[in-house]
Every structure is written in C-alpha cells, then in structure tokens.
Amino acid sequence: MYDLAILWDWIAFSVRWLHVITAMAWIGASFYFIALDLMLKPAEHMPEGASGEEWEVHGGGFYHTTKYMVAPAQMPEHLTWHKWQSYATWLSGAALLMIVYWVGGELYLLDPTKADLSLWQGILISGGSLTIGWLLYDAMCKSKLSEQPTLLMLLLFVILVVMSWGYNQIFTGRAALLHLGAFTATIMTANVFFQIMPNQRIVVADLKAGRTPDAKYGKIAKVRSTHNNYLTLPVVFLMLSNHYPLAFGTEYAWIIASLIFLTGVTIRHYFNTMHKTGKGPHWTWAVTVLLMLLIAWLSTVRTGDTWQEAEARALTPYEQRFASVPSFDAAYDTVIGSCSMCHAREPVWGNMQWAPKGVYLETRSDVARHASAIYLQAGVSHAMPPPNAVQMDADARSTLVTWVREVRNGE
C-alpha cells in the first residue's frame, strides 16, 4: 500500500527532530565554551597551571570555573567529554540528507534543466563532494598557512564560494544550499573527530602516564574550535533555507549562500569581542545589515523557466509514471483548481511573490513530479491548501488519494 509513504514521512520527521535537538546541544555547548574561554580572567591564588577563572550565576546557584592552559597537574577523577553532540548532529543530518535528497532525489536533488544526470550519479556527487572540503581545509591547517590564520580563513571562504557555485550548476536550488551546509558541517564535525578529540586524548594519556603534556595539542584544538565557531551561524541559515524559496529560488542563490558566510563572521566577531572585552564593535551590525539587504535584493531577481518552457518540456520517466494512469486527468484538474493560484511561477493569490517552498503546480510535469507531496499534504492530510485560501472538499481530496494509490498499486 502507498500508505507506506505516511510511515516514511514520519521517519523523516523523526530524524529531522533528532537532528534539530542534537544541533541545539552542539551549538549551545560550542557557543558557551567559546564565550567562557574569552571571559576567563587571571586571579590571585589560582592553582598551579591555571590560566584564568570565571564566576557565573545560573539556576539559583554560583559556578566557579577554572581553566588550565595545558592540563592540571594530575588527571581528575571525573572528566566530561563534549563530543557526542557533534557526532549525533552529523550522523542525523547525514541520515536526513539520504532520506530527503537520495531517496527523494528525482524530486528534490536533481534539476534536469541544469544537468542531465541519473539519480545514482547525483547521489555519488552528493555524498562524495562532502569530503572535499575537509581534505582541502585539513591540508591547509597542517601547512605553513596555519601561521597565517587570516589568510587561511580567506582561502576557506574561497573554497566555500567555489562549492556554492558548483552545487548550483547541477542540483536544484534547494538541494544546492542544503549541500553547502552539509559540506561545511562535515568540516566542523571532522575537526572534532580527527583533530580536537585525538589531541585531547594525547593530553589525557600523558597525564595518566605522569608526563607533562605538550601545549601544542591544546592550541591545535583551540584553533579548530574557533573555526567551528565562525562557521556555525551560516550552517544554520543554509539548513533553514529549504523553507524559503527567496533564498534558493534564484540563479544568484550561490552568491546569497556565499554572503551568508560573511555575516557569520561579522556576527560572531561582535559577540566574541564582547565576551572578551565587555564591549562589541557595533560596526559589525552595520556591515551585517548591508549584507542582508544585498541578499534580499539578489533574492528578488526572478529566474528559471517560464510556464511555456515548462509546459513544452518532455516528462521524465519518474513524472511519466504518475501522468500515465487514467485517474491523473481528474487529479490534475483538482490541483489546478485548488493549488495553482499560489504554486505558480507568477502567483496570483494575495501579495505572494514566490510559490511556497518554490513548488510549482501548473503543468502536467509539475503535478506529476510532486505526486508524493500532493498525496501527503492535500490527500491524506488537510495541510494544503490553506482553508482561508481554498476550501477543498472531501471528494477532491479523495481524487488525489485515488490517483497516487493507483500508480503505486500498479507497480
């Protein structure tokens, strides 16, 4: 039965929920420790090897935190490691990418107007490309560029811009921005897995063996953590972008994504400076606002195929499956009558400028391509269309359900 689609959608929802929860835990811990590190101040009577301390109040109590620049004189009895937030975020994100963009690749991943790729080719590019950033970035960090942190970050930005452009040449706009976020998140998690944690384990092993740990391992971990701190906010934007066609529904989406990385730098620079000195540089907010205004302007540049071009394009094999059954004509008429006023290349409902989530439901190709989403959103549930826009009766919804189930039952 095609109602397995309902189970699959709930699986996707559950994995997304897990991904959001673990991401909040990772981002929260990362931001807290960066802020704490910057707020630490030298004080009298600190233990030997301590470089700073901080008093904080929260939850009805006071916390006294002391940082040892390299390590304490001996191994503490209880040591909490902060790593699983990062691992769980990446693993759940990878699972969600596979569910949405690999299993649903014919709809969400591939754009036949950009590149003539088979689904398996798109999946290979999707998965394989995520490792490129880490390999290049890690090589740069281990080279002499590590002595020039500003140049290193500029080169990383260049890599991100190139990948943003590259993804937009082959994937849908939605998939391109999401993959750039996954590309960056892979660098961040690899920092934790391949650099930060191994270096911390070396320090712990030295403590257990009674050796004095080398300070270089802590410095390496600190640099990688700082890089992660500046990359976090752009990744969050890119992960949210699939809900906003203004971000991905233009040929300039790759520039929008690139500019977002600059806003991440300006915003984090303000807060990091404020945590360290008590006062942040306000010019960073002016720069951020200007960047966002530029992004908003770029998002209004309307691109993509016209209705006539879309109507003339041949149906793909995937679309043909849903357009070739007898019930399709009735379902198509239902969608055109209830959905196309909003889900159009030039919406006519209200003051809407873009189709919701960039989904077009005008041509036979459009409707056939989005069969699964139509089934879930307007067939078995009443999520669409909004009741204040169109009142879709039970017979109309039944028509959509019958159409999609006829296709699936015949396979």
Protein backbone atom coordinates (compact mmCIF):
# COMPACT_ATOMS: atom_id res chain seq x y z
CA MET A 1 0.00 0.00 0.00
CA TYR A 2 1.17 3.51 -0.76
CA ASP A 3 0.36 4.48 2.82
CA LEU A 4 3.94 3.40 3.49
CA ALA A 5 4.61 6.96 2.32
CA ILE A 6 3.00 8.14 5.56
CA LEU A 7 5.34 5.96 7.61
CA TRP A 8 8.30 7.18 5.58
CA ASP A 9 7.29 10.81 6.14
CA TRP A 10 7.10 10.21 9.88
CA ILE A 11 10.55 8.63 9.78
CA ALA A 12 11.85 11.73 8.01
CA PHE A 13 10.12 13.96 10.58
CA SER A 14 11.61 11.98 13.48
CA VAL A 15 15.12 12.14 12.05
CA ARG A 16 14.73 15.88 11.44
CA TRP A 17 13.55 16.32 15.03
CA LEU A 18 16.59 14.41 16.28
CA HIS A 19 18.85 16.49 14.05
CA VAL A 20 17.47 19.77 15.40
CA ILE A 21 17.77 18.61 19.03
CA THR A 22 21.36 17.42 18.69
CA ALA A 23 22.29 20.54 16.71
CA MET A 24 20.95 22.75 19.51
CA ALA A 25 23.01 20.79 22.02
CA TRP A 26 26.17 21.05 19.92
CA ILE A 27 25.76 24.73 19.04
CA GLY A 28 24.86 25.62 22.61
CA ALA A 29 27.90 23.85 24.04
CA SER A 30 30.18 25.34 21.37
CA PHE A 31 28.98 28.90 21.89
CA TYR A 32 29.13 28.53 25.67
CA PHE A 33 32.71 27.29 25.78
CA ILE A 34 33.94 29.91 23.31
CA ALA A 35 32.27 32.61 25.39
CA LEU A 36 33.61 31.12 28.63
CA ASP A 37 37.13 30.93 27.23
CA LEU A 38 37.02 34.58 26.23
CA MET A 39 35.63 35.70 29.61
CA LEU A 40 38.28 33.96 31.72
CA LYS A 41 40.42 36.35 33.74
CA PRO A 42 43.62 35.85 35.74
CA ALA A 43 43.12 35.92 39.51
CA GLU A 44 45.15 35.58 42.69
CA HIS A 45 45.55 32.23 44.39
CA MET A 46 44.74 30.21 41.29
CA PRO A 47 46.04 26.62 41.24
CA GLU A 48 49.36 25.92 39.54
CA GLY A 49 48.95 25.73 35.76
CA ALA A 50 45.65 27.64 35.75
CA SER A 51 45.41 30.46 33.23
CA GLY A 52 42.11 32.06 34.21
CA GLU A 53 38.85 31.73 36.09
CA GLU A 54 35.27 32.92 35.81
CA TRP A 55 32.36 33.17 38.23
CA GLU A 56 28.86 32.69 36.80
CA VAL A 57 25.36 32.58 38.22
CA HIS A 58 22.59 30.43 36.80
CA GLY A 59 19.67 28.36 38.03
CA GLY A 60 19.82 29.63 41.58
CA GLY A 61 23.49 28.85 42.14
CA PHE A 62 27.02 30.10 41.51
CA TYR A 63 29.57 28.36 39.29
CA HIS A 64 33.32 28.79 39.64
CA THR A 65 35.19 27.69 36.51
CA THR A 66 38.96 27.46 36.25
CA LYS A 67 40.85 26.76 33.04
CA TYR A 68 44.24 25.05 32.86
CA MET A 69 46.11 26.25 29.79
CA VAL A 70 47.70 22.86 29.14
CA ALA A 71 46.40 20.47 31.80
CA PRO A 72 46.13 20.12 35.59
CA ALA A 73 48.99 18.55 37.49
CA GLN A 74 47.17 15.22 37.65
CA MET A 75 44.26 13.50 36.00
CA PRO A 76 40.92 14.47 37.61
CA GLU A 77 38.72 11.64 38.91
CA HIS A 78 35.75 12.75 36.79
CA LEU A 79 36.13 14.13 33.28
CA THR A 80 33.23 15.05 30.97
CA TRP A 81 33.88 14.84 27.24
CA HIS A 82 31.94 17.04 24.82
CA LYS A 83 31.85 15.12 21.55
CA TRP A 84 28.60 13.23 21.11
CA GLN A 85 26.63 16.39 20.39
CA SER A 86 28.77 16.90 17.29
CA TYR A 87 28.73 13.27 16.18
CA ALA A 88 24.99 12.88 16.67
CA THR A 89 24.30 16.10 14.77
CA TRP A 90 26.33 14.99 11.76
CA LEU A 91 25.01 11.41 11.75
CA SER A 92 21.37 12.51 12.00
CA GLY A 93 21.99 15.17 9.35
CA ALA A 94 23.55 12.61 7.01
CA ALA A 95 20.58 10.29 7.55
CA LEU A 96 18.17 13.14 6.79
CA LEU A 97 20.08 14.05 3.64
CA MET A 98 19.78 10.45 2.46
CA ILE A 99 16.06 10.30 3.25
CA VAL A 100 15.16 13.58 1.55
CA TYR A 101 17.75 14.06 -1.18
CA TRP A 102 18.75 10.49 -2.08
CA VAL A 103 15.51 8.55 -1.73
CA GLY A 104 13.60 11.60 -2.96
CA GLY A 105 16.37 12.57 -5.35
CA GLU A 106 14.29 12.68 -8.51
CA LEU A 107 12.19 15.44 -6.96
CA TYR A 108 14.45 17.31 -4.57
CA LEU A 109 18.04 16.67 -5.71
CA LEU A 110 18.19 16.70 -9.49
CA ASP A 111 17.38 19.61 -11.77
CA PRO A 112 17.17 18.38 -15.37
CA THR A 113 17.34 21.98 -16.66
CA LYS A 114 20.85 22.31 -15.23
CA ALA A 115 22.49 18.93 -15.74
CA ASP A 116 21.47 15.66 -17.36
CA LEU A 117 22.28 13.29 -14.51
CA SER A 118 20.87 9.96 -13.46
CA LEU A 119 19.82 9.57 -9.85
CA TRP A 120 22.80 7.39 -8.96
CA GLN A 121 25.18 9.98 -10.44
CA GLY A 122 23.55 12.71 -8.39
CA ILE A 123 23.85 10.61 -5.25
CA LEU A 124 27.55 9.93 -5.91
CA ILE A 125 28.20 13.66 -6.33
CA SER A 126 26.12 14.42 -3.25
CA GLY A 127 27.97 12.01 -0.96
CA GLY A 128 31.44 12.26 -2.47
CA SER A 129 31.57 16.06 -2.54
CA LEU A 130 31.13 16.34 1.23
CA THR A 131 34.66 15.06 1.86
CA ILE A 132 36.42 17.51 -0.48
CA GLY A 133 36.17 20.46 1.88
CA TRP A 134 37.59 18.60 4.84
CA LEU A 135 40.58 17.26 2.87
CA LEU A 136 41.50 20.71 1.49
CA TYR A 137 40.89 22.53 4.76
CA ASP A 138 42.80 19.99 6.85
CA ALA A 139 45.74 20.11 4.44
CA MET A 140 45.84 23.90 4.72
CA CYS A 141 45.66 23.80 8.52
CA LYS A 142 48.64 21.42 8.62
CA SER A 143 50.69 23.56 6.22
CA LYS A 144 52.52 26.82 6.84
CA LEU A 145 49.20 28.57 6.33
CA SER A 146 48.45 27.70 9.95
CA GLU A 147 50.83 30.52 10.86
CA GLN A 148 48.62 32.98 8.92
CA PRO A 149 45.11 32.46 10.32
CA THR A 150 43.51 35.32 8.38
CA LEU A 151 44.82 34.03 5.04
CA LEU A 152 43.72 30.52 6.00
CA MET A 153 40.16 31.68 6.63
CA LEU A 154 40.12 33.64 3.36
CA LEU A 155 41.17 30.53 1.43
CA LEU A 156 38.48 28.51 3.19
CA PHE A 157 35.96 31.17 2.14
CA VAL A 158 37.14 30.81 -1.47
CA ILE A 159 36.58 27.05 -1.28
CA LEU A 160 33.06 27.61 0.05
CA VAL A 161 32.26 30.09 -2.73
CA VAL A 162 33.51 27.66 -5.40
CA MET A 163 31.45 24.81 -3.91
CA SER A 164 28.39 27.05 -3.66
CA TRP A 165 28.68 27.85 -7.37
CA GLY A 166 29.39 24.22 -8.27
CA TYR A 167 26.41 22.81 -6.39
CA ASN A 168 24.13 25.34 -8.09
CA GLN A 169 25.28 24.16 -11.51
CA ILE A 170 23.90 20.64 -11.04
CA PHE A 171 21.40 20.46 -8.17
CA THR A 172 18.08 22.15 -7.50
CA GLY A 173 18.47 25.47 -5.70
CA ARG A 174 17.08 23.92 -2.53
CA ALA A 175 19.50 20.97 -2.67
CA ALA A 176 22.45 23.20 -3.56
CA LEU A 177 22.18 25.33 -0.42
CA LEU A 178 21.47 22.33 1.77
CA HIS A 179 24.54 20.52 0.43
CA LEU A 180 26.73 23.57 1.03
CA GLY A 181 25.54 23.47 4.65
CA ALA A 182 26.31 19.75 4.87
CA PHE A 183 29.70 20.38 3.22
CA THR A 184 30.55 22.93 5.91
CA ALA A 185 29.11 20.85 8.75
CA THR A 186 31.29 17.94 7.64
CA ILE A 187 34.37 20.13 8.09
CA MET A 188 33.17 21.09 11.56
CA THR A 189 32.46 17.55 12.73
CA ALA A 190 35.68 16.25 11.18
CA ASN A 191 37.51 18.91 13.19
CA VAL A 192 36.07 17.36 16.33
CA PHE A 193 36.61 13.74 15.31
CA PHE A 194 40.03 13.92 13.64
CA GLN A 195 41.73 16.79 15.48
CA ILE A 196 40.14 18.09 18.66
CA MET A 197 39.34 14.75 20.30
CA PRO A 198 42.60 12.92 19.34
CA ASN A 199 44.68 15.83 20.64
CA GLN A 200 42.76 15.87 23.89
CA ARG A 201 43.25 12.11 24.24
CA ILE A 202 47.01 12.61 23.91
CA VAL A 203 46.93 15.12 26.76
CA VAL A 204 44.87 12.73 28.91
CA ALA A 205 47.24 9.85 28.16
CA ASP A 206 50.22 12.00 29.19
CA LEU A 207 48.51 12.89 32.46
CA LYS A 208 47.78 9.25 33.24
CA ALA A 209 51.40 8.32 32.48
CA GLY A 210 52.74 11.11 34.68
CA ARG A 211 54.19 13.04 31.71
CA THR A 212 53.88 16.79 31.18
CA PRO A 213 51.52 17.33 28.22
CA ASP A 214 52.74 19.34 25.23
CA ALA A 215 50.93 22.67 24.91
CA LYS A 216 50.74 22.36 21.11
CA TYR A 217 47.90 19.85 21.27
CA GLY A 218 45.67 22.25 23.14
CA LYS A 219 46.50 25.06 20.71
CA ILE A 220 45.52 22.91 17.72
CA ALA A 221 42.20 22.03 19.34
CA LYS A 222 41.57 25.69 20.20
CA VAL A 223 42.15 26.83 16.59
CA ARG A 224 39.79 24.21 15.17
CA SER A 225 37.12 25.07 17.76
CA THR A 226 37.40 28.75 16.85
CA HIS A 227 36.93 27.95 13.17
CA ASN A 228 33.83 25.93 14.02
CA ASN A 229 32.51 28.89 15.98
CA TYR A 230 32.61 31.17 12.93
CA LEU A 231 31.06 28.58 10.62
CA THR A 232 28.08 27.70 12.82
CA LEU A 233 25.65 30.52 12.01
CA PRO A 234 25.97 30.18 8.20
CA VAL A 235 25.33 26.43 8.51
CA VAL A 236 22.12 27.10 10.47
CA PHE A 237 20.97 29.54 7.75
CA LEU A 238 21.70 27.01 4.99
CA MET A 239 19.82 24.26 6.83
CA LEU A 240 16.78 26.53 7.18
CA SER A 241 16.98 27.83 3.61
CA ASN A 242 14.94 24.97 2.11
CA HIS A 243 11.85 26.54 3.72
CA TYR A 244 12.38 29.88 1.97
CA PRO A 245 12.38 29.99 -1.84
CA LEU A 246 13.63 33.57 -1.71
CA ALA A 247 16.93 32.08 -0.57
CA PHE A 248 17.26 29.30 -3.13
CA GLY A 249 14.87 30.16 -5.96
CA THR A 250 17.23 32.35 -7.99
CA GLU A 251 20.31 31.78 -10.12
CA TYR A 252 22.12 34.01 -7.63
CA ALA A 253 21.49 31.60 -4.76
CA TRP A 254 25.18 30.68 -4.78
CA ILE A 255 26.08 34.34 -4.14
CA ILE A 256 23.47 34.57 -1.38
CA ALA A 257 24.98 31.50 0.29
CA SER A 258 28.49 32.95 -0.03
CA LEU A 259 27.48 36.27 1.52
CA ILE A 260 25.88 34.45 4.44
CA PHE A 261 29.32 33.20 5.46
CA LEU A 262 30.44 36.82 5.76
CA THR A 263 27.51 37.62 8.05
CA GLY A 264 28.56 34.68 10.20
CA VAL A 265 31.97 36.29 10.63
CA THR A 266 30.62 39.74 11.47
CA ILE A 267 28.04 38.49 13.97
CA ARG A 268 30.41 36.12 15.76
CA HIS A 269 33.16 38.77 15.80
CA TYR A 270 30.81 41.09 17.67
CA PHE A 271 29.86 38.55 20.32
CA ASN A 272 33.35 37.09 20.70
CA THR A 273 34.78 40.60 21.19
CA MET A 274 32.01 41.46 23.64
CA HIS A 275 32.70 38.33 25.70
CA LYS A 276 36.38 39.15 25.81
CA THR A 277 36.32 42.92 26.41
CA GLY A 278 32.78 43.62 27.62
CA LYS A 279 32.01 45.72 24.56
CA GLY A 280 31.44 44.60 20.98
CA PRO A 281 32.32 46.58 17.84
CA HIS A 282 28.99 47.99 16.65
CA TRP A 283 30.21 48.47 13.08
CA THR A 284 29.77 44.73 12.62
CA TRP A 285 25.98 45.13 12.82
CA ALA A 286 26.02 47.81 10.14
CA VAL A 287 28.01 45.51 7.87
CA THR A 288 25.63 42.63 8.63
CA VAL A 289 22.57 44.72 7.78
CA LEU A 290 24.15 45.85 4.49
CA LEU A 291 24.96 42.26 3.59
CA MET A 292 21.40 41.16 4.36
CA LEU A 293 19.98 44.00 2.25
CA LEU A 294 22.19 42.88 -0.63
CA ILE A 295 20.99 39.30 -0.12
CA ALA A 296 17.35 40.44 -0.08
CA TRP A 297 17.88 42.33 -3.35
CA LEU A 298 19.53 39.33 -5.02
CA SER A 299 16.62 37.15 -3.94
CA THR A 300 14.15 39.26 -5.92
CA VAL A 301 15.86 38.59 -9.25
CA ARG A 302 13.37 36.20 -10.85
CA THR A 303 14.96 33.41 -12.89
CA GLY A 304 14.11 29.91 -14.01
CA ASP A 305 11.92 28.57 -16.80
CA THR A 306 8.67 30.19 -17.82
CA TRP A 307 5.30 28.42 -17.84
CA GLN A 308 5.58 27.99 -21.60
CA GLU A 309 9.04 26.42 -21.34
CA ALA A 310 7.93 24.10 -18.55
CA GLU A 311 4.82 23.09 -20.50
CA ALA A 312 6.87 22.26 -23.58
CA ARG A 313 9.44 20.14 -21.73
CA ALA A 314 9.08 16.36 -22.04
CA LEU A 315 8.13 14.43 -18.92
CA THR A 316 10.87 12.50 -17.19
CA PRO A 317 10.41 8.74 -16.60
CA TYR A 318 9.55 9.49 -12.97
CA GLU A 319 6.89 12.02 -13.97
CA GLN A 320 5.55 9.74 -16.69
CA ARG A 321 4.74 7.08 -14.09
CA PHE A 322 2.26 9.39 -12.40
CA ALA A 323 0.90 11.03 -15.55
CA SER A 324 0.10 7.84 -17.45
CA VAL A 325 -2.69 6.41 -15.27
CA PRO A 326 -6.40 7.09 -16.06
CA SER A 327 -7.01 8.95 -12.78
CA PHE A 328 -4.31 11.56 -13.49
CA ASP A 329 -6.53 13.89 -15.52
CA ALA A 330 -9.03 14.29 -12.69
CA ALA A 331 -6.24 14.76 -10.16
CA TYR A 332 -4.55 17.33 -12.42
CA ASP A 333 -7.77 19.34 -12.73
CA THR A 334 -8.17 19.23 -8.94
CA VAL A 335 -4.66 20.55 -8.34
CA ILE A 336 -5.02 23.29 -10.97
CA GLY A 337 -8.30 24.41 -9.41
CA SER A 338 -7.12 24.33 -5.80
CA CYS A 339 -3.35 24.89 -5.76
CA SER A 340 -2.00 26.67 -8.82
CA MET A 341 -3.03 30.18 -7.80
CA CYS A 342 -0.24 30.06 -5.20
CA HIS A 343 2.05 27.37 -6.60
CA ALA A 344 2.71 29.23 -9.83
CA ARG A 345 5.74 30.79 -11.44
CA GLU A 346 3.88 34.07 -11.05
CA PRO A 347 1.43 33.58 -8.14
CA VAL A 348 -1.89 35.41 -8.38
CA TRP A 349 -3.14 34.93 -4.80
CA GLY A 350 -2.80 37.91 -2.48
CA ASN A 351 0.57 39.64 -2.46
CA MET A 352 2.54 36.44 -2.84
CA GLN A 353 5.74 36.90 -4.84
CA TRP A 354 7.06 33.34 -4.88
CA ALA A 355 5.46 29.92 -4.85
CA PRO A 356 5.58 28.42 -1.33
CA LYS A 357 8.84 26.47 -0.89
CA GLY A 358 9.49 27.00 -4.60
CA VAL A 359 6.97 24.30 -5.56
CA TYR A 360 5.22 24.88 -8.90
CA LEU A 361 1.93 23.11 -9.69
CA GLU A 362 0.95 24.47 -13.09
CA THR A 363 1.92 21.98 -15.78
CA ARG A 364 1.30 18.24 -16.07
CA SER A 365 5.02 17.76 -15.42
CA ASP A 366 4.82 19.87 -12.26
CA VAL A 367 1.88 17.94 -10.84
CA ALA A 368 3.28 14.51 -11.69
CA ARG A 369 6.67 15.41 -10.24
CA HIS A 370 5.19 16.41 -6.88
CA ALA A 371 2.81 13.45 -6.57
CA SER A 372 4.13 12.28 -3.20
CA ALA A 373 3.94 15.74 -1.64
CA ILE A 374 0.44 16.32 -3.04
CA TYR A 375 -0.68 12.96 -1.64
CA LEU A 376 0.61 13.76 1.85
CA GLN A 377 -0.20 17.47 2.01
CA ALA A 378 -3.61 17.60 0.31
CA GLY A 379 -4.74 13.97 0.10
CA VAL A 380 -4.36 12.13 3.39
CA SER A 381 -3.92 15.34 5.40
CA HIS A 382 -5.54 18.76 5.23
CA ALA A 383 -2.31 20.76 5.41
CA MET A 384 -2.88 22.17 1.94
CA PRO A 385 -4.46 24.24 0.59
CA PRO A 386 -4.82 26.74 3.46
CA PRO A 387 -8.50 26.94 4.46
CA ASN A 388 -8.52 30.73 4.15
CA ALA A 389 -7.43 30.38 0.51
CA VAL A 390 -9.40 27.43 -0.87
CA GLN A 391 -11.98 25.11 0.69
CA MET A 392 -11.09 21.67 -0.73
CA ASP A 393 -13.90 19.19 -0.14
CA ALA A 394 -13.57 15.50 0.71
CA ASP A 395 -14.28 14.37 -2.86
CA ALA A 396 -11.40 16.46 -4.20
CA ARG A 397 -9.01 15.03 -1.64
CA SER A 398 -10.25 11.54 -2.43
CA THR A 399 -9.44 12.15 -6.10
CA LEU A 400 -5.80 12.88 -5.22
CA VAL A 401 -5.52 9.82 -2.99
CA THR A 402 -7.05 7.56 -5.65
CA TRP A 403 -4.61 8.86 -8.27
CA VAL A 404 -1.43 8.22 -6.31
CA ARG A 405 -2.56 4.89 -4.93
CA GLU A 406 -3.47 3.73 -8.44
CA VAL A 407 0.12 4.38 -9.51
CA ARG A 408 1.63 2.61 -6.52
CA ASN A 409 -0.73 -0.33 -6.53
CA GLY A 410 0.04 -0.91 -10.18
CA GLU A 411 3.81 -1.19 -9.61
